[in-house]
Amino acid sequence: MELANVLIKPLLTEKTTLLKDTSRQAAFYVHPRANKLEIRRAVEKAFEVTVESVNIVCRAPSRRKKQGRVVGRKPGWKKAYVTLGRDDKIEFFEGV
């Protein structure tokens, strides 16, 4: 898989902002077929940082029900929590 297609977008919530400030971690939505090694390489190349570890969380697609009937499905997703090196930092909003 090409490294440009691995990272979809950064995950910016209150929890991930707190993790970024306290634990040197960043969270990203990633391609469903990406593995930990590809995610590590993509983050290191895109942000020029060193990555210590990568943890992945997957959510399977689920059915969307309305009055007992299945009317569609909710898409699944895959996200990665990336722990950065000691002196590294990722700034998503620089100069704002």
PDB file of N, CA and C in Angstrom:
ATOM      1  N   MET A   1       0.842  -1.178   0.000  1.00  0.00           N
ATOM      2  CA  MET A   1       0.000   0.000   0.000  1.00  0.00           C
ATOM      3  C   MET A   1       0.889   1.243   0.000  1.00  0.00           C
ATOM      4  N   GLU A   2       0.497   2.247  -0.745  1.00  0.00           N
ATOM      5  CA  GLU A   2       1.258   3.485  -0.791  1.00  0.00           C
ATOM      6  C   GLU A   2       1.101   4.247   0.519  1.00  0.00           C
ATOM      7  N   LEU A   3       2.181   4.867   0.961  1.00  0.00           N
ATOM      8  CA  LEU A   3       2.153   5.569   2.251  1.00  0.00           C
ATOM      9  C   LEU A   3       1.233   6.781   2.221  1.00  0.00           C
ATOM     10  N   ALA A   4       1.011   7.360   1.044  1.00  0.00           N
ATOM     11  CA  ALA A   4       0.127   8.518   0.951  1.00  0.00           C
ATOM     12  C   ALA A   4      -1.331   8.155   1.222  1.00  0.00           C
ATOM     13  N   ASN A   5      -1.694   6.898   1.035  1.00  0.00           N
ATOM     14  CA  ASN A   5      -3.083   6.472   1.227  1.00  0.00           C
ATOM     15  C   ASN A   5      -3.345   5.877   2.597  1.00  0.00           C
ATOM     16  N   VAL A   6      -2.330   5.743   3.431  1.00  0.00           N
ATOM     17  CA  VAL A   6      -2.501   5.085   4.732  1.00  0.00           C
ATOM     18  C   VAL A   6      -3.243   5.986   5.707  1.00  0.00           C
ATOM     19  N   LEU A   7      -2.781   7.216   5.889  1.00  0.00           N
ATOM     20  CA  LEU A   7      -3.417   8.148   6.831  1.00  0.00           C
ATOM     21  C   LEU A   7      -4.582   8.840   6.146  1.00  0.00           C
ATOM     22  N   ILE A   8      -5.770   8.729   6.713  1.00  0.00           N
ATOM     23  CA  ILE A   8      -6.946   9.375   6.133  1.00  0.00           C
ATOM     24  C   ILE A   8      -7.085  10.791   6.679  1.00  0.00           C
ATOM     25  N   LYS A   9      -7.160  10.916   8.006  1.00  0.00           N
ATOM     26  CA  LYS A   9      -7.237  12.239   8.624  1.00  0.00           C
ATOM     27  C   LYS A   9      -6.911  12.112  10.103  1.00  0.00           C
ATOM     28  N   PRO A  10      -6.465  13.199  10.725  1.00  0.00           N
ATOM     29  CA  PRO A  10      -6.212  13.147  12.168  1.00  0.00           C
ATOM     30  C   PRO A  10      -7.526  13.152  12.933  1.00  0.00           C
ATOM     31  N   LEU A  11      -7.512  12.515  14.065  1.00  0.00           N
ATOM     32  CA  LEU A  11      -8.683  12.450  14.930  1.00  0.00           C
ATOM     33  C   LEU A  11      -8.522  13.519  15.998  1.00  0.00           C
ATOM     34  N   LEU A  12      -9.364  14.546  15.951  1.00  0.00           N
ATOM     35  CA  LEU A  12      -9.250  15.686  16.865  1.00  0.00           C
ATOM     36  C   LEU A  12     -10.485  15.741  17.764  1.00  0.00           C
ATOM     37  N   THR A  13     -10.349  15.178  18.951  1.00  0.00           N
ATOM     38  CA  THR A  13     -11.404  15.220  19.960  1.00  0.00           C
ATOM     39  C   THR A  13     -10.782  15.695  21.266  1.00  0.00           C
ATOM     40  N   GLU A  14     -11.596  15.837  22.283  1.00  0.00           N
ATOM     41  CA  GLU A  14     -11.067  16.247  23.587  1.00  0.00           C
ATOM     42  C   GLU A  14     -10.117  15.201  24.141  1.00  0.00           C
ATOM     43  N   LYS A  15     -10.471  13.939  23.973  1.00  0.00           N
ATOM     44  CA  LYS A  15      -9.631  12.860  24.481  1.00  0.00           C
ATOM     45  C   LYS A  15      -8.274  12.834  23.771  1.00  0.00           C
ATOM     46  N   THR A  16      -8.269  12.942  22.455  1.00  0.00           N
ATOM     47  CA  THR A  16      -6.998  12.883  21.738  1.00  0.00           C
ATOM     48  C   THR A  16      -6.159  14.136  21.958  1.00  0.00           C
ATOM     49  N   THR A  17      -6.786  15.269  22.173  1.00  0.00           N
ATOM     50  CA  THR A  17      -6.039  16.484  22.495  1.00  0.00           C
ATOM     51  C   THR A  17      -5.365  16.344  23.849  1.00  0.00           C
ATOM     52  N   LEU A  18      -6.044  15.761  24.802  1.00  0.00           N
ATOM     53  CA  LEU A  18      -5.462  15.517  26.118  1.00  0.00           C
ATOM     54  C   LEU A  18      -4.314  14.508  26.020  1.00  0.00           C
ATOM     55  N   LEU A  19      -4.492  13.456  25.228  1.00  0.00           N
ATOM     56  CA  LEU A  19      -3.421  12.479  25.026  1.00  0.00           C
ATOM     57  C   LEU A  19      -2.200  13.115  24.369  1.00  0.00           C
ATOM     58  N   LYS A  20      -2.444  14.019  23.438  1.00  0.00           N
ATOM     59  CA  LYS A  20      -1.339  14.690  22.747  1.00  0.00           C
ATOM     60  C   LYS A  20      -0.533  15.540  23.718  1.00  0.00           C
ATOM     61  N   ASP A  21      -1.213  16.176  24.643  1.00  0.00           N
ATOM     62  CA  ASP A  21      -0.529  17.056  25.589  1.00  0.00           C
ATOM     63  C   ASP A  21       0.179  16.289  26.708  1.00  0.00           C
ATOM     64  N   THR A  22      -0.404  15.182  27.163  1.00  0.00           N
ATOM     65  CA  THR A  22       0.150  14.489  28.321  1.00  0.00           C
ATOM     66  C   THR A  22       1.004  13.277  27.966  1.00  0.00           C
ATOM     67  N   SER A  23       0.641  12.532  26.948  1.00  0.00           N
ATOM     68  CA  SER A  23       1.289  11.243  26.698  1.00  0.00           C
ATOM     69  C   SER A  23       2.071  11.163  25.397  1.00  0.00           C
ATOM     70  N   ARG A  24       2.260  12.259  24.699  1.00  0.00           N
ATOM     71  CA  ARG A  24       2.978  12.277  23.416  1.00  0.00           C
ATOM     72  C   ARG A  24       2.340  11.333  22.403  1.00  0.00           C
ATOM     73  N   GLN A  25       1.009  11.281  22.372  1.00  0.00           N
ATOM     74  CA  GLN A  25       0.303  10.418  21.437  1.00  0.00           C
ATOM     75  C   GLN A  25      -0.528  11.252  20.478  1.00  0.00           C
ATOM     76  N   ALA A  26      -0.684  10.728  19.262  1.00  0.00           N
ATOM     77  CA  ALA A  26      -1.553  11.333  18.269  1.00  0.00           C
ATOM     78  C   ALA A  26      -2.458  10.244  17.722  1.00  0.00           C
ATOM     79  N   ALA A  27      -3.664  10.610  17.302  1.00  0.00           N
ATOM     80  CA  ALA A  27      -4.622   9.628  16.800  1.00  0.00           C
ATOM     81  C   ALA A  27      -4.999   9.982  15.362  1.00  0.00           C
ATOM     82  N   PHE A  28      -5.142   8.954  14.541  1.00  0.00           N
ATOM     83  CA  PHE A  28      -5.469   9.125  13.130  1.00  0.00           C
ATOM     84  C   PHE A  28      -6.495   8.089  12.719  1.00  0.00           C
ATOM     85  N   TYR A  29      -7.408   8.497  11.803  1.00  0.00           N
ATOM     86  CA  TYR A  29      -8.184   7.508  11.076  1.00  0.00           C
ATOM     87  C   TYR A  29      -7.267   6.979   9.989  1.00  0.00           C
ATOM     88  N   VAL A  30      -7.213   5.656   9.835  1.00  0.00           N
ATOM     89  CA  VAL A  30      -6.304   5.049   8.861  1.00  0.00           C
ATOM     90  C   VAL A  30      -7.087   4.138   7.921  1.00  0.00           C
ATOM     91  N   HIS A  31      -6.439   3.757   6.843  1.00  0.00           N
ATOM     92  CA  HIS A  31      -7.034   2.860   5.859  1.00  0.00           C
ATOM     93  C   HIS A  31      -7.328   1.509   6.528  1.00  0.00           C
ATOM     94  N   PRO A  32      -8.473   0.892   6.233  1.00  0.00           N
ATOM     95  CA  PRO A  32      -8.836  -0.361   6.912  1.00  0.00           C
ATOM     96  C   PRO A  32      -7.854  -1.506   6.689  1.00  0.00           C
ATOM     97  N   ARG A  33      -7.090  -1.489   5.611  1.00  0.00           N
ATOM     98  CA  ARG A  33      -6.142  -2.578   5.347  1.00  0.00           C
ATOM     99  C   ARG A  33      -4.714  -2.244   5.750  1.00  0.00           C
ATOM    100  N   ALA A  34      -4.504  -1.092   6.367  1.00  0.00           N
ATOM    101  CA  ALA A  34      -3.156  -0.699   6.778  1.00  0.00           C
ATOM    102  C   ALA A  34      -2.753  -1.463   8.036  1.00  0.00           C
ATOM    103  N   ASN A  35      -1.477  -1.852   8.109  1.00  0.00           N
ATOM    104  CA  ASN A  35      -0.984  -2.518   9.305  1.00  0.00           C
ATOM    105  C   ASN A  35      -0.102  -1.558  10.101  1.00  0.00           C
ATOM    106  N   LYS A  36       0.402  -2.023  11.241  1.00  0.00           N
ATOM    107  CA  LYS A  36       1.155  -1.142  12.134  1.00  0.00           C
ATOM    108  C   LYS A  36       2.439  -0.628  11.500  1.00  0.00           C
ATOM    109  N   LEU A  37       3.115  -1.452  10.741  1.00  0.00           N
ATOM    110  CA  LEU A  37       4.364  -1.040  10.108  1.00  0.00           C
ATOM    111  C   LEU A  37       4.131   0.045   9.064  1.00  0.00           C
ATOM    112  N   GLU A  38       3.076  -0.091   8.265  1.00  0.00           N
ATOM    113  CA  GLU A  38       2.749   0.926   7.266  1.00  0.00           C
ATOM    114  C   GLU A  38       2.337   2.236   7.927  1.00  0.00           C
ATOM    115  N   ILE A  39       1.602   2.154   9.024  1.00  0.00           N
ATOM    116  CA  ILE A  39       1.189   3.360   9.739  1.00  0.00           C
ATOM    117  C   ILE A  39       2.408   4.064  10.323  1.00  0.00           C
ATOM    118  N   ARG A  40       3.326   3.301  10.902  1.00  0.00           N
ATOM    119  CA  ARG A  40       4.558   3.872  11.460  1.00  0.00           C
ATOM    120  C   ARG A  40       5.344   4.612  10.373  1.00  0.00           C
ATOM    121  N   ARG A  41       5.536   3.979   9.229  1.00  0.00           N
ATOM    122  CA  ARG A  41       6.291   4.604   8.136  1.00  0.00           C
ATOM    123  C   ARG A  41       5.600   5.846   7.603  1.00  0.00           C
ATOM    124  N   ALA A  42       4.267   5.807   7.489  1.00  0.00           N
ATOM    125  CA  ALA A  42       3.525   6.949   6.961  1.00  0.00           C
ATOM    126  C   ALA A  42       3.621   8.152   7.894  1.00  0.00           C
ATOM    127  N   VAL A  43       3.505   7.937   9.208  1.00  0.00           N
ATOM    128  CA  VAL A  43       3.591   9.043  10.163  1.00  0.00           C
ATOM    129  C   VAL A  43       5.008   9.609  10.195  1.00  0.00           C
ATOM    130  N   GLU A  44       6.007   8.737  10.186  1.00  0.00           N
ATOM    131  CA  GLU A  44       7.390   9.212  10.206  1.00  0.00           C
ATOM    132  C   GLU A  44       7.719  10.019   8.960  1.00  0.00           C
ATOM    133  N   LYS A  45       7.197   9.608   7.810  1.00  0.00           N
ATOM    134  CA  LYS A  45       7.472  10.328   6.573  1.00  0.00           C
ATOM    135  C   LYS A  45       6.687  11.644   6.489  1.00  0.00           C
ATOM    136  N   ALA A  46       5.426  11.622   6.895  1.00  0.00           N
ATOM    137  CA  ALA A  46       4.573  12.803   6.754  1.00  0.00           C
ATOM    138  C   ALA A  46       4.945  13.918   7.730  1.00  0.00           C
ATOM    139  N   PHE A  47       5.297  13.560   8.973  1.00  0.00           N
ATOM    140  CA  PHE A  47       5.515  14.577   9.999  1.00  0.00           C
ATOM    141  C   PHE A  47       6.964  14.678  10.451  1.00  0.00           C
ATOM    142  N   GLU A  48       7.849  13.841   9.908  1.00  0.00           N
ATOM    143  CA  GLU A  48       9.276  13.855  10.231  1.00  0.00           C
ATOM    144  C   GLU A  48       9.514  13.728  11.741  1.00  0.00           C
ATOM    145  N   VAL A  49       8.934  12.692  12.324  1.00  0.00           N
ATOM    146  CA  VAL A  49       9.088  12.386  13.745  1.00  0.00           C
ATOM    147  C   VAL A  49       9.493  10.919  13.871  1.00  0.00           C
ATOM    148  N   THR A  50       9.904  10.528  15.078  1.00  0.00           N
ATOM    149  CA  THR A  50      10.155   9.114  15.339  1.00  0.00           C
ATOM    150  C   THR A  50       8.969   8.541  16.092  1.00  0.00           C
ATOM    151  N   VAL A  51       8.592   7.326  15.748  1.00  0.00           N
ATOM    152  CA  VAL A  51       7.428   6.676  16.349  1.00  0.00           C
ATOM    153  C   VAL A  51       7.917   5.538  17.234  1.00  0.00           C
ATOM    154  N   GLU A  52       7.480   5.546  18.495  1.00  0.00           N
ATOM    155  CA  GLU A  52       7.850   4.474  19.418  1.00  0.00           C
ATOM    156  C   GLU A  52       6.932   3.271  19.273  1.00  0.00           C
ATOM    157  N   SER A  53       5.615   3.503  19.249  1.00  0.00           N
ATOM    158  CA  SER A  53       4.680   2.388  19.144  1.00  0.00           C
ATOM    159  C   SER A  53       3.399   2.836  18.443  1.00  0.00           C
ATOM    160  N   VAL A  54       2.667   1.839  17.955  1.00  0.00           N
ATOM    161  CA  VAL A  54       1.395   2.078  17.273  1.00  0.00           C
ATOM    162  C   VAL A  54       0.369   1.112  17.850  1.00  0.00           C
ATOM    163  N   ASN A  55      -0.761   1.627  18.283  1.00  0.00           N
ATOM    164  CA  ASN A  55      -1.877   0.810  18.752  1.00  0.00           C
ATOM    165  C   ASN A  55      -3.065   1.050  17.830  1.00  0.00           C
ATOM    166  N   ILE A  56      -3.762  -0.028  17.479  1.00  0.00           N
ATOM    167  CA  ILE A  56      -4.847   0.057  16.503  1.00  0.00           C
ATOM    168  C   ILE A  56      -6.167  -0.332  17.168  1.00  0.00           C
ATOM    169  N   VAL A  57      -7.229   0.410  16.817  1.00  0.00           N
ATOM    170  CA  VAL A  57      -8.585   0.114  17.273  1.00  0.00           C
ATOM    171  C   VAL A  57      -9.451  -0.032  16.029  1.00  0.00           C
ATOM    172  N   CYS A  58     -10.163  -1.158  15.920  1.00  0.00           N
ATOM    173  CA  CYS A  58     -11.037  -1.417  14.771  1.00  0.00           C
ATOM    174  C   CYS A  58     -12.485  -1.509  15.236  1.00  0.00           C
ATOM    175  N   ARG A  59     -13.376  -0.996  14.415  1.00  0.00           N
ATOM    176  CA  ARG A  59     -14.804  -1.136  14.682  1.00  0.00           C
ATOM    177  C   ARG A  59     -15.448  -1.713  13.436  1.00  0.00           C
ATOM    178  N   ALA A  60     -16.123  -2.804  13.593  1.00  0.00           N
ATOM    179  CA  ALA A  60     -16.756  -3.465  12.459  1.00  0.00           C
ATOM    180  C   ALA A  60     -18.016  -2.714  12.037  1.00  0.00           C
ATOM    181  N   PRO A  61     -18.406  -2.810  10.769  1.00  0.00           N
ATOM    182  CA  PRO A  61     -19.663  -2.198  10.341  1.00  0.00           C
ATOM    183  C   PRO A  61     -20.843  -2.827  11.077  1.00  0.00           C
ATOM    184  N   SER A  62     -21.864  -2.044  11.311  1.00  0.00           N
ATOM    185  CA  SER A  62     -23.042  -2.563  12.008  1.00  0.00           C
ATOM    186  C   SER A  62     -24.294  -2.236  11.207  1.00  0.00           C
ATOM    187  N   ARG A  63     -25.355  -2.957  11.514  1.00  0.00           N
ATOM    188  CA  ARG A  63     -26.621  -2.734  10.819  1.00  0.00           C
ATOM    189  C   ARG A  63     -27.368  -1.563  11.433  1.00  0.00           C
ATOM    190  N   ARG A  64     -28.029  -0.815  10.607  1.00  0.00           N
ATOM    191  CA  ARG A  64     -28.852   0.297  11.071  1.00  0.00           C
ATOM    192  C   ARG A  64     -30.300  -0.187  11.040  1.00  0.00           C
ATOM    193  N   LYS A  65     -30.929  -0.225  12.213  1.00  0.00           N
ATOM    194  CA  LYS A  65     -32.286  -0.740  12.312  1.00  0.00           C
ATOM    195  C   LYS A  65     -33.272   0.378  12.609  1.00  0.00           C
ATOM    196  N   LYS A  66     -34.462   0.210  12.066  1.00  0.00           N
ATOM    197  CA  LYS A  66     -35.544   1.160  12.333  1.00  0.00           C
ATOM    198  C   LYS A  66     -36.819   0.336  12.492  1.00  0.00           C
ATOM    199  N   GLN A  67     -37.394   0.364  13.663  1.00  0.00           N
ATOM    200  CA  GLN A  67     -38.595  -0.383  14.011  1.00  0.00           C
ATOM    201  C   GLN A  67     -38.418  -1.871  13.728  1.00  0.00           C
ATOM    202  N   GLY A  68     -37.250  -2.403  14.044  1.00  0.00           N
ATOM    203  CA  GLY A  68     -37.004  -3.826  13.906  1.00  0.00           C
ATOM    204  C   GLY A  68     -36.539  -4.260  12.530  1.00  0.00           C
ATOM    205  N   ARG A  69     -36.584  -3.375  11.551  1.00  0.00           N
ATOM    206  CA  ARG A  69     -36.160  -3.733  10.206  1.00  0.00           C
ATOM    207  C   ARG A  69     -34.768  -3.170   9.933  1.00  0.00           C
ATOM    208  N   VAL A  70     -34.026  -3.877   9.153  1.00  0.00           N
ATOM    209  CA  VAL A  70     -32.706  -3.408   8.759  1.00  0.00           C
ATOM    210  C   VAL A  70     -32.870  -2.495   7.549  1.00  0.00           C
ATOM    211  N   VAL A  71     -32.462  -1.225   7.697  1.00  0.00           N
ATOM    212  CA  VAL A  71     -32.625  -0.267   6.613  1.00  0.00           C
ATOM    213  C   VAL A  71     -31.293   0.190   6.023  1.00  0.00           C
ATOM    214  N   GLY A  72     -30.207  -0.244   6.566  1.00  0.00           N
ATOM    215  CA  GLY A  72     -28.910   0.164   6.031  1.00  0.00           C
ATOM    216  C   GLY A  72     -27.812  -0.328   6.938  1.00  0.00           C
ATOM    217  N   ARG A  73     -26.657   0.296   6.796  1.00  0.00           N
ATOM    218  CA  ARG A  73     -25.550  -0.081   7.670  1.00  0.00           C
ATOM    219  C   ARG A  73     -24.700   1.123   7.986  1.00  0.00           C
ATOM    220  N   LYS A  74     -24.131   1.099   9.185  1.00  0.00           N
ATOM    221  CA  LYS A  74     -23.192   2.123   9.606  1.00  0.00           C
ATOM    222  C   LYS A  74     -21.801   1.643   9.229  1.00  0.00           C
ATOM    223  N   PRO A  75     -20.990   2.499   8.662  1.00  0.00           N
ATOM    224  CA  PRO A  75     -19.660   2.046   8.245  1.00  0.00           C
ATOM    225  C   PRO A  75     -18.751   1.807   9.446  1.00  0.00           C
ATOM    226  N   GLY A  76     -17.854   0.887   9.291  1.00  0.00           N
ATOM    227  CA  GLY A  76     -16.840   0.648  10.308  1.00  0.00           C
ATOM    228  C   GLY A  76     -15.674   1.592  10.099  1.00  0.00           C
ATOM    229  N   TRP A  77     -14.731   1.604  11.027  1.00  0.00           N
ATOM    230  CA  TRP A  77     -13.553   2.447  10.896  1.00  0.00           C
ATOM    231  C   TRP A  77     -12.378   1.804  11.588  1.00  0.00           C
ATOM    232  N   LYS A  78     -11.215   2.330  11.304  1.00  0.00           N
ATOM    233  CA  LYS A  78      -9.993   1.861  11.937  1.00  0.00           C
ATOM    234  C   LYS A  78      -9.202   3.095  12.310  1.00  0.00           C
ATOM    235  N   LYS A  79      -8.771   3.159  13.555  1.00  0.00           N
ATOM    236  CA  LYS A  79      -7.968   4.293  13.975  1.00  0.00           C
ATOM    237  C   LYS A  79      -6.710   3.806  14.670  1.00  0.00           C
ATOM    238  N   ALA A  80      -5.710   4.657  14.654  1.00  0.00           N
ATOM    239  CA  ALA A  80      -4.418   4.294  15.216  1.00  0.00           C
ATOM    240  C   ALA A  80      -3.985   5.355  16.208  1.00  0.00           C
ATOM    241  N   TYR A  81      -3.528   4.900  17.380  1.00  0.00           N
ATOM    242  CA  TYR A  81      -2.917   5.773  18.373  1.00  0.00           C
ATOM    243  C   TYR A  81      -1.413   5.599  18.249  1.00  0.00           C
ATOM    244  N   VAL A  82      -0.716   6.681  17.918  1.00  0.00           N
ATOM    245  CA  VAL A  82       0.719   6.643  17.653  1.00  0.00           C
ATOM    246  C   VAL A  82       1.442   7.336  18.794  1.00  0.00           C
ATOM    247  N   THR A  83       2.362   6.623  19.456  1.00  0.00           N
ATOM    248  CA  THR A  83       3.177   7.203  20.512  1.00  0.00           C
ATOM    249  C   THR A  83       4.466   7.717  19.886  1.00  0.00           C
ATOM    250  N   LEU A  84       4.751   8.989  20.112  1.00  0.00           N
ATOM    251  CA  LEU A  84       5.902   9.635  19.485  1.00  0.00           C
ATOM    252  C   LEU A  84       7.141   9.516  20.360  1.00  0.00           C
ATOM    253  N   GLY A  85       8.289   9.842  19.770  1.00  0.00           N
ATOM    254  CA  GLY A  85       9.554   9.830  20.489  1.00  0.00           C
ATOM    255  C   GLY A  85       9.593  10.905  21.561  1.00  0.00           C
ATOM    256  N   ARG A  86      10.660  10.904  22.329  1.00  0.00           N
ATOM    257  CA  ARG A  86      10.767  11.762  23.501  1.00  0.00           C
ATOM    258  C   ARG A  86      10.663  13.251  23.180  1.00  0.00           C
ATOM    259  N   ASP A  87      11.361  13.722  22.171  1.00  0.00           N
ATOM    260  CA  ASP A  87      11.395  15.155  21.867  1.00  0.00           C
ATOM    261  C   ASP A  87      10.536  15.528  20.669  1.00  0.00           C
ATOM    262  N   ASP A  88       9.723  14.615  20.168  1.00  0.00           N
ATOM    263  CA  ASP A  88       8.937  14.882  18.969  1.00  0.00           C
ATOM    264  C   ASP A  88       7.545  15.364  19.322  1.00  0.00           C
ATOM    265  N   LYS A  89       6.975  16.151  18.398  1.00  0.00           N
ATOM    266  CA  LYS A  89       5.662  16.725  18.591  1.00  0.00           C
ATOM    267  C   LYS A  89       5.002  16.884  17.226  1.00  0.00           C
ATOM    268  N   ILE A  90       3.707  16.676  17.152  1.00  0.00           N
ATOM    269  CA  ILE A  90       2.950  16.941  15.931  1.00  0.00           C
ATOM    270  C   ILE A  90       1.985  18.077  16.228  1.00  0.00           C
ATOM    271  N   GLU A  91       2.111  19.154  15.483  1.00  0.00           N
ATOM    272  CA  GLU A  91       1.206  20.304  15.624  1.00  0.00           C
ATOM    273  C   GLU A  91       0.285  20.332  14.426  1.00  0.00           C
ATOM    274  N   PHE A  92      -1.016  20.133  14.647  1.00  0.00           N
ATOM    275  CA  PHE A  92      -1.976  20.147  13.565  1.00  0.00           C
ATOM    276  C   PHE A  92      -2.373  21.568  13.186  1.00  0.00           C
ATOM    277  N   PHE A  93      -2.413  22.482  14.160  1.00  0.00           N
ATOM    278  CA  PHE A  93      -2.793  23.865  13.910  1.00  0.00           C
ATOM    279  C   PHE A  93      -1.634  24.768  14.313  1.00  0.00           C
ATOM    280  N   GLU A  94      -0.694  24.951  13.422  1.00  0.00           N
ATOM    281  CA  GLU A  94       0.469  25.797  13.719  1.00  0.00           C
ATOM    282  C   GLU A  94       0.138  27.247  13.371  1.00  0.00           C
ATOM    283  N   GLY A  95       0.421  28.145  14.270  1.00  0.00           N
ATOM    284  CA  GLY A  95       0.247  29.568  14.016  1.00  0.00           C
ATOM    285  C   GLY A  95      -1.187  30.045  14.029  1.00  0.00           C
ATOM    286  N   VAL A  96      -2.107  29.299  14.623  1.00  0.00           N
ATOM    287  CA  VAL A  96      -3.505  29.737  14.657  1.00  0.00           C
ATOM    288  C   VAL A  96      -3.748  30.495  15.934  1.00  0.00           C
TER     289      VAL A  96
END
